[in-house]
Amino acid sequence: MEASSMSLKKSIIVCLIAFPTLIMVTLMYQNSFFGQFEMFSKDMSMGGMTHNNVTSGGSNVTTNDFGLRQNVTHDNFGGRGKNDTNFKSSKNISLTNLTSTPPKEITDDEKEKLLDGLLVSGFDEASCVSRLQSHFYHKPSPHKPSPYLISKLRKYEELHRRCGPNTRAYNEDMKKITKSKKNGTSAATTCKYIIWLPANGLGNQIISMASSFLYALLTGRVMLVQFGKDKEGLFCEPFLNSTWLLPEKSPFWNAEKVQTYQSTIKMGGANTLNEDFPSALHVNLGYSPTSEERFFHCDHNQFLLSNIPLLFLEAGQYFVPSFFMTPIFKKELNKMFPEITSTFHHLGRYLFHPSNEAWELITSFYQQNLAKANERIGLQIRVVDPKLTPHQVVMNQILNCTLGNKLLPKVLGTKNIYLSSSDKNKKIMKAVLVSSLYRHYGENLKMTYMNKSTVSGEVIEVYQPSGEEQQKFNDNKHNMKAWVDIYLLSLSDVLVTTYQSTFGYVAKALGNSRPWILYNPVYSNEICEREFTLEPCYHYPPLHYCNGKPIEDVGSSFPYIRHCKDYTFGVKLVNASV
């Protein structure tokens, strides 16, 4: 009995001690849980923006960068890939994810792969190997994208996901525009669009795509591209979880019946906003600087265009300098590109990634022929008319430029005994990559150095990936070879290009290289000269001020504009007015 009494007393004492402790622990747990739940509820009441912009109901209301209030549903995103780490529904959010955690530090390797934030993570790497491997082949760029440009790109990507092909907004907008086109009335759409139309060769098309994309960034439009069979398999998709390809079944695949910008201006007047303007308009900024498009850079015309939901944009030109002539765009441009001469450098590296097929061709050729070289010299030769500039005249010009500027060494008169691979490895080797429609140039240069001693003792090896003899349009294989050549040229340490060649413009900007420009031997006594900027030349700039008066000298009339070295009528961007 005594033992039982003592045991009971001990049990009571233990309970008296343990019970308050148990109550305290329970209260602490409940406070923690409800604190987390309260934070979760608060986030959801704010539209779910804290947690990946998704609410528990599968829909949220957001306001985009352009002041539009958007009702976004899961269906609007056009389908999410299994590797998309940026998207999670509320069902997948655990309470442990709601606590505050420090942001993950980005490694130097990740910064390199994503080009200092220019590119976004989340893509299926296998679908586009070049996106995350290109930094292994290009030399590091000293030109860093501005934080503002990066933020604009992220906001654009979100806009494209909401309004790109196969989304609810896109399908409804296209129905409205189609209906308004038949009725001759304007349409009130959720989003606004640019459909880029191809013109001229691949180089022209790349620089005009970049120009059109910048226009989309500036005006809050979604850019779609009309790619025919000739561009199948050239480029990767640039925007995460969406496509930039205009569907082939689109009612707007054919722009021929769409009203033109020029006729609309004449109908409504250059300074008048006509309420009956069409919902779709075709703007041609190509080789007609005397047409009404010469006022494209004017504020009043940009205001007119801002009221039209769908623009077809055809150019074949790098018309970015015209934006720097447009007062309403200046502030945004200066924030996006504090270093103006890297504009196309950033746009090109963001948009244009070789497809897996193209990347395989590029890397295989590089590893086999160029990787072992101490220095890679890219030589891009374009001959518009061989009758006016015979091959030998051009060949003499190439040798005078490369030898005169010590890009290549002079050849001694004596022949070398054939060098073995081990002997070559002991010497400095320069690999010359020749890109031309004509194989004559690669073969001629190869014969010049084959088994010959040079004054510097360097070994020179010459390679030419292709030689089509003539430019072909609407040809997929031809475009693939051209794209491979352009990209290989961009991997050069030293670059020599031909005057007025958009092919060379793209290569130099992607590779961050100021090339030596070969001048036209028919019209110039100069052989070649070093380029002063990465920017392409805008060959046909506006000829009139916005008041209609002719511009006497475009190069001195606007800040950040200077005449091109290879085409004095054209202009290009510089970092300061001259």
Protein backbone atom coordinates (compact mmCIF):
# COMPACT_ATOMS: atom_id res chain seq x y z
CA MET A 1 0.00 0.00 0.00
CA GLU A 2 2.80 2.33 0.97
CA ALA A 3 4.57 1.59 -2.32
CA SER A 4 1.36 2.21 -4.27
CA SER A 5 0.81 5.51 -2.47
CA MET A 6 4.35 6.70 -3.26
CA SER A 7 3.97 5.72 -6.93
CA LEU A 8 0.69 7.62 -7.22
CA LYS A 9 2.24 10.71 -5.68
CA LYS A 10 5.14 10.60 -8.15
CA SER A 11 2.74 10.22 -11.09
CA ILE A 12 0.72 13.23 -9.96
CA ILE A 13 3.88 15.33 -9.59
CA VAL A 14 5.11 14.35 -13.09
CA CYS A 15 1.69 15.22 -14.58
CA LEU A 16 1.67 18.59 -12.83
CA ILE A 17 5.10 19.38 -14.34
CA ALA A 18 4.46 17.94 -17.83
CA PHE A 19 0.95 19.34 -18.43
CA PRO A 20 1.92 23.06 -18.50
CA THR A 21 4.88 22.22 -20.72
CA LEU A 22 2.61 20.34 -23.12
CA ILE A 23 0.21 23.32 -23.26
CA MET A 24 3.07 25.74 -24.02
CA VAL A 25 4.42 23.54 -26.84
CA THR A 26 0.94 23.18 -28.33
CA LEU A 27 0.36 26.94 -28.26
CA MET A 28 3.74 27.62 -29.87
CA TYR A 29 3.00 25.14 -32.66
CA GLN A 30 -0.45 26.64 -33.27
CA ASN A 31 0.95 30.17 -33.35
CA SER A 32 3.62 29.08 -35.83
CA PHE A 33 1.08 27.29 -38.03
CA PHE A 34 -1.44 30.12 -38.02
CA GLY A 35 1.31 32.64 -38.57
CA GLN A 36 2.35 30.78 -41.68
CA PHE A 37 -1.26 30.31 -42.76
CA GLU A 38 -1.93 34.01 -42.26
CA MET A 39 1.08 34.86 -44.45
CA PHE A 40 -0.13 32.39 -47.10
CA SER A 41 -3.67 33.88 -47.04
CA LYS A 42 -2.28 37.39 -47.30
CA ASP A 43 -0.24 36.41 -50.35
CA MET A 44 -3.24 34.85 -52.01
CA SER A 45 -5.43 37.87 -51.30
CA MET A 46 -2.85 39.98 -53.16
CA GLY A 47 -3.39 37.98 -56.33
CA GLY A 48 -0.89 35.21 -55.60
CA MET A 49 1.98 37.35 -56.91
CA THR A 50 4.40 36.25 -54.19
CA HIS A 51 4.28 32.63 -55.28
CA ASN A 52 4.83 32.42 -59.00
CA ASN A 53 1.81 34.56 -59.97
CA VAL A 54 -0.69 31.69 -59.54
CA THR A 55 -3.75 31.59 -57.29
CA SER A 56 -5.46 28.54 -55.83
CA GLY A 57 -8.34 28.97 -58.25
CA GLY A 58 -6.11 28.53 -61.33
CA SER A 59 -6.57 32.16 -62.34
CA ASN A 60 -5.22 35.54 -61.31
CA VAL A 61 -5.49 39.16 -62.27
CA THR A 62 -2.26 40.99 -63.01
CA THR A 63 -1.32 44.35 -64.39
CA ASN A 64 1.43 44.18 -66.99
CA ASP A 65 4.18 46.67 -67.72
CA PHE A 66 2.02 48.35 -70.35
CA GLY A 67 -0.86 49.26 -68.03
CA LEU A 68 -3.20 46.47 -69.23
CA ARG A 69 -5.18 44.56 -66.63
CA GLN A 70 -5.02 40.91 -67.59
CA ASN A 71 -7.15 37.99 -66.43
CA VAL A 72 -4.67 35.15 -66.81
CA THR A 73 -5.66 31.49 -66.62
CA HIS A 74 -3.49 28.40 -66.85
CA ASP A 75 -4.74 27.88 -70.40
CA ASN A 76 -3.35 31.26 -71.46
CA PHE A 77 0.20 29.99 -71.10
CA GLY A 78 -0.10 27.67 -74.09
CA GLY A 79 1.09 24.59 -72.20
CA ARG A 80 3.91 24.20 -69.68
CA GLY A 81 6.92 21.98 -70.12
CA LYS A 82 7.77 19.43 -67.49
CA ASN A 83 11.07 21.20 -66.91
CA ASP A 84 9.50 24.60 -66.28
CA THR A 85 10.65 25.41 -62.77
CA ASN A 86 9.01 28.85 -62.81
CA PHE A 87 5.46 27.55 -62.71
CA LYS A 88 3.80 25.88 -59.73
CA SER A 89 0.11 25.65 -58.87
CA SER A 90 -1.03 26.43 -55.33
CA LYS A 91 -1.60 22.70 -54.77
CA ASN A 92 2.14 22.15 -54.96
CA ILE A 93 3.03 24.83 -52.41
CA SER A 94 3.96 23.27 -49.06
CA LEU A 95 4.06 25.16 -45.80
CA THR A 96 7.80 24.71 -45.61
CA ASN A 97 8.14 26.74 -48.81
CA LEU A 98 6.40 29.72 -47.20
CA THR A 99 9.16 30.53 -44.74
CA SER A 100 11.65 33.22 -45.67
CA THR A 101 14.82 31.78 -47.18
CA PRO A 102 17.81 33.66 -48.56
CA PRO A 103 17.97 33.76 -52.39
CA LYS A 104 20.17 31.17 -54.01
CA GLU A 105 23.49 32.65 -55.04
CA ILE A 106 24.15 32.42 -58.78
CA THR A 107 27.50 30.84 -59.60
CA ASP A 108 29.96 32.34 -62.06
CA ASP A 109 29.35 29.40 -64.38
CA GLU A 110 25.60 30.06 -64.39
CA LYS A 111 26.23 33.76 -65.07
CA GLU A 112 28.36 32.80 -68.06
CA LYS A 113 25.79 30.36 -69.42
CA LEU A 114 22.99 32.89 -69.07
CA LEU A 115 25.12 35.71 -70.52
CA ASP A 116 24.98 37.82 -67.33
CA GLY A 117 21.20 37.55 -67.05
CA LEU A 118 20.39 38.20 -70.70
CA LEU A 119 19.01 34.67 -71.02
CA VAL A 120 16.50 33.08 -68.67
CA SER A 121 16.80 29.64 -67.08
CA GLY A 122 14.07 27.00 -67.29
CA PHE A 123 14.41 25.83 -70.89
CA ASP A 124 14.65 22.13 -71.69
CA GLU A 125 18.41 22.02 -72.33
CA ALA A 126 18.16 19.09 -74.73
CA SER A 127 15.85 21.01 -77.04
CA CYS A 128 18.47 23.72 -77.68
CA VAL A 129 22.00 22.70 -76.77
CA SER A 130 23.58 25.88 -78.17
CA ARG A 131 21.78 28.15 -75.69
CA LEU A 132 23.88 26.91 -72.80
CA GLN A 133 27.02 25.90 -74.70
CA SER A 134 27.74 28.97 -76.82
CA HIS A 135 29.77 30.61 -74.05
CA PHE A 136 32.33 27.80 -74.38
CA TYR A 137 33.04 28.92 -77.97
CA HIS A 138 32.63 32.71 -77.94
CA LYS A 139 35.20 34.81 -76.16
CA PRO A 140 33.76 36.52 -73.04
CA SER A 141 31.95 39.75 -73.83
CA PRO A 142 32.93 42.93 -71.97
CA HIS A 143 29.49 44.37 -72.81
CA LYS A 144 27.08 43.63 -69.96
CA PRO A 145 23.31 43.95 -70.41
CA SER A 146 21.77 46.65 -68.24
CA PRO A 147 19.46 45.60 -65.37
CA TYR A 148 16.70 47.57 -67.08
CA LEU A 149 17.09 45.65 -70.34
CA ILE A 150 16.99 42.38 -68.41
CA SER A 151 13.78 43.42 -66.64
CA LYS A 152 12.21 44.44 -69.96
CA LEU A 153 13.06 41.05 -71.44
CA ARG A 154 11.53 39.17 -68.48
CA LYS A 155 8.34 41.25 -68.73
CA TYR A 156 8.19 40.71 -72.47
CA GLU A 157 8.53 36.94 -72.00
CA GLU A 158 5.54 37.01 -69.66
CA LEU A 159 3.56 39.06 -72.20
CA HIS A 160 4.47 36.57 -74.92
CA ARG A 161 3.31 33.65 -72.75
CA ARG A 162 -0.05 35.34 -72.21
CA CYS A 163 -0.62 36.48 -75.79
CA GLY A 164 1.45 34.20 -78.03
CA PRO A 165 0.05 31.58 -80.42
CA ASN A 166 -2.33 28.95 -78.97
CA THR A 167 -3.28 31.10 -75.98
CA ARG A 168 -6.81 32.19 -75.23
CA ALA A 169 -5.95 35.88 -75.68
CA TYR A 170 -4.30 35.25 -79.06
CA ASN A 171 -7.19 33.15 -80.41
CA GLU A 172 -9.80 35.70 -79.36
CA ASP A 173 -7.77 38.65 -80.68
CA MET A 174 -7.22 37.07 -84.07
CA LYS A 175 -10.96 36.40 -84.40
CA LYS A 176 -11.71 40.03 -83.59
CA ILE A 177 -9.14 41.35 -86.06
CA THR A 178 -10.37 38.99 -88.80
CA LYS A 179 -13.97 40.09 -88.22
CA SER A 180 -13.06 43.80 -88.18
CA LYS A 181 -11.07 43.37 -91.40
CA LYS A 182 -14.19 42.01 -93.13
CA ASN A 183 -16.43 44.73 -91.69
CA GLY A 184 -13.97 47.55 -92.26
CA THR A 185 -13.99 48.56 -88.58
CA SER A 186 -11.34 48.69 -85.86
CA ALA A 187 -11.02 45.98 -83.20
CA ALA A 188 -10.51 46.30 -79.45
CA THR A 189 -8.10 43.51 -78.61
CA THR A 190 -6.49 42.33 -75.37
CA CYS A 191 -2.99 42.40 -76.88
CA LYS A 192 -1.23 43.98 -79.84
CA TYR A 193 1.01 42.22 -82.34
CA ILE A 194 3.80 42.52 -84.90
CA ILE A 195 4.10 39.94 -87.64
CA TRP A 196 7.62 40.04 -89.04
CA LEU A 197 7.84 39.37 -92.78
CA PRO A 198 11.04 38.08 -94.48
CA ALA A 199 12.85 40.12 -97.12
CA ASN A 200 16.15 39.54 -98.95
CA GLY A 201 18.83 37.11 -97.72
CA LEU A 202 19.43 35.55 -94.30
CA GLY A 203 21.73 38.32 -93.06
CA ASN A 204 19.13 40.99 -93.91
CA GLN A 205 16.43 38.92 -92.25
CA ILE A 206 18.36 38.51 -89.00
CA ILE A 207 19.06 42.22 -88.57
CA SER A 208 15.47 43.15 -89.43
CA MET A 209 14.12 40.55 -86.95
CA ALA A 210 16.26 42.11 -84.22
CA SER A 211 14.99 45.57 -85.18
CA SER A 212 11.37 44.38 -85.12
CA PHE A 213 11.86 42.77 -81.72
CA LEU A 214 13.21 46.01 -80.26
CA TYR A 215 10.17 47.79 -81.69
CA ALA A 216 7.99 45.21 -79.92
CA LEU A 217 9.80 45.93 -76.64
CA LEU A 218 9.30 49.67 -77.08
CA THR A 219 5.62 49.49 -77.99
CA GLY A 220 4.31 46.63 -75.86
CA ARG A 221 3.57 44.30 -78.76
CA VAL A 222 4.03 40.57 -79.21
CA MET A 223 6.35 39.70 -82.10
CA LEU A 224 5.58 36.72 -84.31
CA VAL A 225 7.71 35.62 -87.25
CA GLN A 226 6.54 34.25 -90.57
CA PHE A 227 9.01 31.43 -91.24
CA GLY A 228 8.62 29.46 -94.42
CA LYS A 229 10.18 26.08 -95.19
CA ASP A 230 13.47 27.84 -95.98
CA LYS A 231 14.05 28.62 -92.30
CA GLU A 232 12.92 25.36 -90.77
CA GLY A 233 15.44 24.01 -88.28
CA LEU A 234 17.72 27.09 -88.23
CA PHE A 235 16.94 28.73 -84.89
CA CYS A 236 15.80 27.68 -81.44
CA GLU A 237 12.67 29.18 -79.93
CA PRO A 238 13.83 32.29 -78.02
CA PHE A 239 10.92 32.67 -75.55
CA LEU A 240 10.35 30.29 -72.64
CA ASN A 241 7.19 28.14 -72.83
CA SER A 242 5.89 29.81 -75.94
CA THR A 243 6.51 30.04 -79.67
CA TRP A 244 7.31 33.01 -81.86
CA LEU A 245 6.21 31.19 -85.03
CA LEU A 246 3.09 32.50 -86.75
CA PRO A 247 0.88 29.42 -87.26
CA GLU A 248 0.70 28.36 -90.91
CA LYS A 249 -3.10 28.22 -90.66
CA SER A 250 -3.25 31.83 -89.50
CA PRO A 251 -5.71 33.97 -91.50
CA PHE A 252 -2.91 36.55 -91.56
CA TRP A 253 -0.28 34.39 -93.25
CA ASN A 254 -0.79 36.35 -96.48
CA ALA A 255 -0.21 40.08 -96.03
CA GLU A 256 -0.82 41.07 -99.65
CA LYS A 257 -4.45 42.05 -99.08
CA VAL A 258 -3.73 44.05 -95.93
CA GLN A 259 -3.95 47.82 -96.22
CA THR A 260 -0.56 49.52 -96.46
CA TYR A 261 0.85 52.15 -94.15
CA GLN A 262 1.48 54.46 -97.08
CA SER A 263 -2.12 54.42 -98.34
CA THR A 264 -3.45 54.89 -94.80
CA ILE A 265 -1.31 57.97 -94.20
CA LYS A 266 -2.55 59.49 -97.46
CA MET A 267 -6.16 58.79 -96.49
CA GLY A 268 -6.01 60.12 -92.95
CA GLY A 269 -3.19 62.66 -93.19
CA ALA A 270 0.16 62.43 -91.41
CA ASN A 271 -1.02 64.39 -88.36
CA THR A 272 -4.59 63.14 -88.04
CA LEU A 273 -5.85 60.11 -86.15
CA ASN A 274 -8.69 58.61 -88.15
CA GLU A 275 -11.04 56.51 -86.02
CA ASP A 276 -11.70 54.23 -88.99
CA PHE A 277 -8.10 53.11 -89.36
CA PRO A 278 -7.89 49.37 -90.00
CA SER A 279 -7.10 46.74 -87.37
CA ALA A 280 -4.22 45.40 -89.50
CA LEU A 281 -1.63 47.42 -91.41
CA HIS A 282 1.35 46.53 -93.60
CA VAL A 283 4.48 48.65 -92.96
CA ASN A 284 7.38 48.34 -95.41
CA LEU A 285 10.69 49.83 -94.20
CA GLY A 286 12.82 48.36 -96.95
CA TYR A 287 14.47 50.15 -99.84
CA SER A 288 12.01 53.00 -100.35
CA PRO A 289 13.16 55.98 -98.28
CA THR A 290 11.07 58.39 -100.35
CA SER A 291 7.73 56.71 -99.53
CA GLU A 292 5.46 57.70 -96.63
CA GLU A 293 7.44 55.33 -94.41
CA ARG A 294 10.05 58.07 -94.27
CA PHE A 295 7.96 59.48 -91.38
CA PHE A 296 8.06 56.24 -89.39
CA HIS A 297 10.49 57.85 -86.92
CA CYS A 298 8.09 60.67 -86.05
CA ASP A 299 6.08 60.82 -82.82
CA HIS A 300 2.77 61.60 -84.53
CA ASN A 301 3.05 58.52 -86.74
CA GLN A 302 3.99 56.33 -83.82
CA PHE A 303 0.88 57.56 -82.04
CA LEU A 304 -1.14 56.61 -85.12
CA LEU A 305 0.38 53.12 -85.25
CA SER A 306 -0.17 52.55 -81.52
CA ASN A 307 -3.93 52.39 -82.20
CA ILE A 308 -3.63 49.53 -84.69
CA PRO A 309 -3.69 46.05 -83.09
CA LEU A 310 -1.80 44.16 -85.80
CA LEU A 311 1.21 45.42 -87.76
CA PHE A 312 2.91 43.51 -90.57
CA LEU A 313 6.52 44.68 -90.58
CA GLU A 314 8.72 44.14 -93.61
CA ALA A 315 12.19 45.62 -93.77
CA GLY A 316 15.31 43.65 -94.66
CA GLN A 317 17.16 46.52 -92.95
CA TYR A 318 18.61 47.32 -89.54
CA PHE A 319 16.24 50.21 -88.79
CA VAL A 320 17.12 50.47 -85.07
CA PRO A 321 18.83 53.89 -85.58
CA SER A 322 15.42 55.31 -86.56
CA PHE A 323 14.22 54.61 -82.99
CA PHE A 324 17.00 56.84 -81.67
CA MET A 325 15.61 59.55 -83.98
CA THR A 326 12.15 59.18 -82.38
CA PRO A 327 11.72 61.46 -79.32
CA ILE A 328 9.19 59.26 -77.49
CA PHE A 329 11.57 56.28 -77.52
CA LYS A 330 14.73 58.03 -76.36
CA LYS A 331 14.23 57.68 -72.60
CA GLU A 332 13.48 53.96 -72.79
CA LEU A 333 16.36 53.30 -75.17
CA ASN A 334 18.86 55.11 -72.97
CA LYS A 335 17.75 53.04 -69.96
CA MET A 336 17.90 49.78 -71.90
CA PHE A 337 21.18 50.51 -73.67
CA PRO A 338 23.44 52.86 -71.71
CA GLU A 339 26.17 51.56 -74.01
CA ILE A 340 24.43 52.23 -77.31
CA THR A 341 26.91 50.45 -79.57
CA SER A 342 26.13 47.09 -77.96
CA THR A 343 22.43 47.22 -78.93
CA PHE A 344 22.52 44.57 -81.66
CA HIS A 345 25.15 42.60 -79.74
CA HIS A 346 22.64 42.05 -76.92
CA LEU A 347 19.57 41.61 -79.12
CA GLY A 348 21.34 39.12 -81.37
CA ARG A 349 22.71 36.99 -78.53
CA TYR A 350 19.28 36.94 -76.90
CA LEU A 351 17.24 35.98 -79.98
CA PHE A 352 19.38 33.83 -82.25
CA HIS A 353 20.52 30.42 -81.04
CA PRO A 354 21.43 27.74 -83.59
CA SER A 355 19.12 24.74 -83.63
CA ASN A 356 20.54 21.38 -82.60
CA GLU A 357 21.08 20.45 -86.25
CA ALA A 358 22.92 23.69 -86.96
CA TRP A 359 24.87 23.46 -83.70
CA GLU A 360 26.09 19.98 -84.57
CA LEU A 361 27.45 21.28 -87.89
CA ILE A 362 29.06 24.31 -86.23
CA THR A 363 30.75 22.49 -83.37
CA SER A 364 31.89 19.55 -85.51
CA PHE A 365 33.60 21.86 -88.00
CA TYR A 366 35.08 23.95 -85.18
CA GLN A 367 36.49 21.00 -83.26
CA GLN A 368 37.90 19.36 -86.35
CA ASN A 369 39.52 22.41 -87.95
CA LEU A 370 39.66 25.49 -85.70
CA ALA A 371 39.97 24.39 -82.08
CA LYS A 372 43.68 23.51 -82.32
CA ALA A 373 44.69 26.94 -83.69
CA ASN A 374 46.44 29.57 -81.59
CA GLU A 375 44.45 32.22 -83.45
CA ARG A 376 41.37 32.08 -85.68
CA ILE A 377 40.99 34.58 -88.52
CA GLY A 378 37.57 34.92 -90.15
CA LEU A 379 37.52 36.11 -93.75
CA GLN A 380 34.11 36.92 -95.22
CA ILE A 381 34.20 37.70 -98.95
CA ARG A 382 31.15 38.84 -100.85
CA VAL A 383 31.35 39.67 -104.55
CA VAL A 384 28.15 41.22 -105.89
CA ASP A 385 29.18 41.23 -109.54
CA PRO A 386 32.28 39.21 -110.58
CA LYS A 387 32.28 41.02 -113.95
CA LEU A 388 32.91 44.38 -112.26
CA THR A 389 35.29 42.94 -109.68
CA PRO A 390 37.18 39.93 -111.10
CA HIS A 391 38.35 37.29 -108.66
CA GLN A 392 42.01 38.22 -109.02
CA VAL A 393 41.30 41.86 -108.17
CA VAL A 394 39.47 40.78 -105.02
CA MET A 395 42.21 38.27 -104.15
CA ASN A 396 44.87 40.96 -104.43
CA GLN A 397 42.78 43.19 -102.17
CA ILE A 398 42.47 40.43 -99.56
CA LEU A 399 46.22 39.81 -99.50
CA ASN A 400 47.03 43.53 -99.37
CA CYS A 401 44.67 43.98 -96.41
CA THR A 402 45.69 40.94 -94.38
CA LEU A 403 49.43 41.24 -95.06
CA GLY A 404 49.52 45.03 -94.79
CA ASN A 405 47.84 44.99 -91.38
CA LYS A 406 49.87 41.96 -90.21
CA LEU A 407 46.83 39.76 -89.81
CA LEU A 408 48.65 37.11 -91.86
CA PRO A 409 52.41 36.67 -92.33
CA LYS A 410 54.23 37.05 -95.63
CA VAL A 411 55.42 33.93 -97.41
CA LEU A 412 59.10 33.19 -98.03
CA GLY A 413 60.16 32.05 -101.46
CA THR A 414 61.32 28.61 -100.33
CA LYS A 415 59.10 25.62 -99.70
CA ASN A 416 59.04 23.74 -96.43
CA ILE A 417 59.57 20.05 -96.25
CA TYR A 418 56.16 18.60 -95.33
CA LEU A 419 55.53 19.19 -91.66
CA SER A 420 54.28 16.33 -89.53
CA SER A 421 51.50 16.86 -86.99
CA SER A 422 54.00 16.86 -84.13
CA ASP A 423 56.08 19.55 -85.88
CA LYS A 424 52.98 21.67 -86.43
CA ASN A 425 52.08 21.43 -82.76
CA LYS A 426 55.44 22.97 -81.86
CA LYS A 427 54.74 26.02 -84.05
CA ILE A 428 52.20 28.81 -83.72
CA MET A 429 49.28 27.97 -85.96
CA LYS A 430 46.74 30.37 -87.41
CA ALA A 431 43.55 28.95 -88.86
CA VAL A 432 41.86 31.01 -91.56
CA LEU A 433 38.13 30.47 -92.02
CA VAL A 434 36.99 31.63 -95.47
CA SER A 435 33.30 32.30 -96.00
CA SER A 436 32.32 32.99 -99.60
CA LEU A 437 29.98 31.81 -102.33
CA TYR A 438 33.12 31.14 -104.39
CA ARG A 439 35.56 28.38 -103.48
CA HIS A 440 38.20 30.16 -105.55
CA TYR A 441 39.21 32.32 -102.58
CA GLY A 442 39.69 29.52 -100.09
CA GLU A 443 41.61 27.39 -102.59
CA ASN A 444 43.79 30.29 -103.71
CA LEU A 445 44.69 31.26 -100.15
CA LYS A 446 45.36 27.63 -99.25
CA MET A 447 47.79 27.28 -102.16
CA THR A 448 49.51 30.50 -101.09
CA TYR A 449 50.50 29.00 -97.73
CA MET A 450 50.57 25.27 -98.39
CA ASN A 451 53.97 23.84 -97.34
CA LYS A 452 55.48 27.35 -97.44
CA SER A 453 57.69 29.02 -94.87
CA THR A 454 56.50 32.34 -93.46
CA VAL A 455 58.58 35.25 -92.21
CA SER A 456 57.11 34.80 -88.72
CA GLY A 457 57.56 31.03 -88.68
CA GLU A 458 53.81 30.57 -88.19
CA VAL A 459 51.91 27.74 -89.82
CA ILE A 460 48.82 28.92 -91.73
CA GLU A 461 45.96 26.53 -92.46
CA VAL A 462 42.94 27.55 -94.54
CA TYR A 463 39.40 26.13 -94.35
CA GLN A 464 36.24 26.95 -96.26
CA PRO A 465 33.01 25.22 -95.13
CA SER A 466 30.94 25.90 -98.25
CA GLY A 467 30.88 27.52 -101.69
CA GLU A 468 27.45 27.74 -103.32
CA GLU A 469 28.59 29.84 -106.34
CA GLN A 470 25.38 31.90 -106.21
CA GLN A 471 22.98 33.16 -103.59
CA LYS A 472 19.78 31.15 -103.38
CA PHE A 473 16.53 32.43 -101.95
CA ASN A 474 13.82 30.35 -100.24
CA ASP A 475 16.23 27.43 -99.99
CA ASN A 476 16.53 25.68 -96.63
CA LYS A 477 19.90 23.96 -97.26
CA HIS A 478 21.40 27.20 -98.54
CA ASN A 479 20.17 29.08 -95.46
CA MET A 480 21.54 26.38 -93.16
CA LYS A 481 25.00 26.71 -94.75
CA ALA A 482 24.79 30.49 -94.49
CA TRP A 483 23.81 30.34 -90.80
CA VAL A 484 26.65 27.90 -90.04
CA ASP A 485 29.12 30.20 -91.84
CA ILE A 486 27.86 33.29 -89.99
CA TYR A 487 28.18 31.61 -86.62
CA LEU A 488 31.62 30.16 -87.33
CA LEU A 489 32.80 33.64 -88.37
CA SER A 490 31.52 34.99 -85.05
CA LEU A 491 33.92 32.60 -83.25
CA SER A 492 36.96 34.27 -84.86
CA ASP A 493 39.61 36.16 -82.92
CA VAL A 494 40.16 38.50 -85.87
CA LEU A 495 37.56 39.27 -88.52
CA VAL A 496 37.69 40.69 -92.05
CA THR A 497 34.36 41.43 -93.75
CA THR A 498 33.11 42.91 -97.02
CA TYR A 499 31.54 46.36 -97.38
CA GLN A 500 27.72 46.58 -97.01
CA SER A 501 27.42 42.88 -96.16
CA THR A 502 24.68 42.11 -93.61
CA PHE A 503 26.23 38.63 -93.39
CA GLY A 504 29.32 40.25 -91.88
CA TYR A 505 27.24 42.60 -89.70
CA VAL A 506 25.63 39.66 -87.91
CA ALA A 507 28.91 37.77 -87.44
CA LYS A 508 30.76 40.73 -85.93
CA ALA A 509 27.96 41.57 -83.47
CA LEU A 510 27.44 38.00 -82.26
CA GLY A 511 31.18 37.57 -81.76
CA ASN A 512 31.93 41.04 -80.35
CA SER A 513 34.50 41.85 -83.01
CA ARG A 514 35.33 45.13 -84.76
CA PRO A 515 36.37 43.81 -88.16
CA TRP A 516 38.53 45.13 -90.95
CA ILE A 517 36.22 46.17 -93.79
CA LEU A 518 37.20 45.38 -97.37
CA TYR A 519 36.14 48.33 -99.53
CA ASN A 520 34.72 48.14 -103.02
CA PRO A 521 37.79 48.18 -105.29
CA VAL A 522 35.73 49.77 -108.07
CA TYR A 523 34.76 52.89 -106.12
CA SER A 524 37.45 53.23 -103.46
CA ASN A 525 41.20 53.61 -103.50
CA GLU A 526 41.38 52.37 -99.90
CA ILE A 527 41.93 48.66 -99.43
CA CYS A 528 40.45 48.11 -95.99
CA GLU A 529 39.85 49.95 -92.74
CA ARG A 530 39.04 48.99 -89.15
CA GLU A 531 35.40 49.28 -88.15
CA PHE A 532 34.60 51.66 -85.25
CA THR A 533 31.49 49.97 -83.78
CA LEU A 534 29.73 46.61 -83.46
CA GLU A 535 26.50 48.06 -84.82
CA PRO A 536 25.20 47.20 -88.31
CA CYS A 537 24.77 49.94 -90.88
CA TYR A 538 21.26 51.26 -91.58
CA HIS A 539 21.59 51.59 -95.34
CA TYR A 540 18.47 53.62 -96.08
CA PRO A 541 17.69 56.04 -93.22
CA PRO A 542 14.87 58.63 -93.32
CA LEU A 543 15.38 61.54 -95.67
CA HIS A 544 12.96 63.98 -94.04
CA TYR A 545 12.47 65.64 -90.69
CA CYS A 546 9.07 65.19 -89.07
CA ASN A 547 8.00 68.62 -90.34
CA GLY A 548 8.49 67.37 -93.90
CA LYS A 549 11.69 69.29 -94.66
CA PRO A 550 14.51 67.27 -96.29
CA ILE A 551 17.38 66.23 -94.01
CA GLU A 552 20.61 67.63 -95.41
CA ASP A 553 22.90 65.35 -93.37
CA VAL A 554 21.43 62.55 -91.26
CA GLY A 555 24.79 61.83 -89.62
CA SER A 556 24.99 65.29 -88.01
CA SER A 557 21.28 65.92 -87.46
CA PHE A 558 20.67 63.45 -84.62
CA PRO A 559 22.65 62.47 -81.52
CA TYR A 560 24.21 58.98 -81.43
CA ILE A 561 24.22 58.78 -85.24
CA ARG A 562 27.22 58.69 -87.57
CA HIS A 563 27.72 57.78 -91.22
CA CYS A 564 28.91 54.25 -91.96
CA LYS A 565 32.43 53.57 -93.17
CA ASP A 566 31.35 51.02 -95.76
CA TYR A 567 28.36 52.96 -97.10
CA THR A 568 28.49 56.70 -96.56
CA PHE A 569 24.81 57.22 -97.34
CA GLY A 570 23.89 54.90 -94.43
CA VAL A 571 24.12 55.59 -90.69
CA LYS A 572 24.95 53.62 -87.56
CA LEU A 573 24.81 54.12 -83.82
CA VAL A 574 27.65 55.53 -81.72
CA ASN A 575 27.93 56.11 -77.98
CA ALA A 576 28.13 59.89 -78.28
CA SER A 577 27.18 62.42 -80.92
CA VAL A 578 30.06 63.46 -83.14
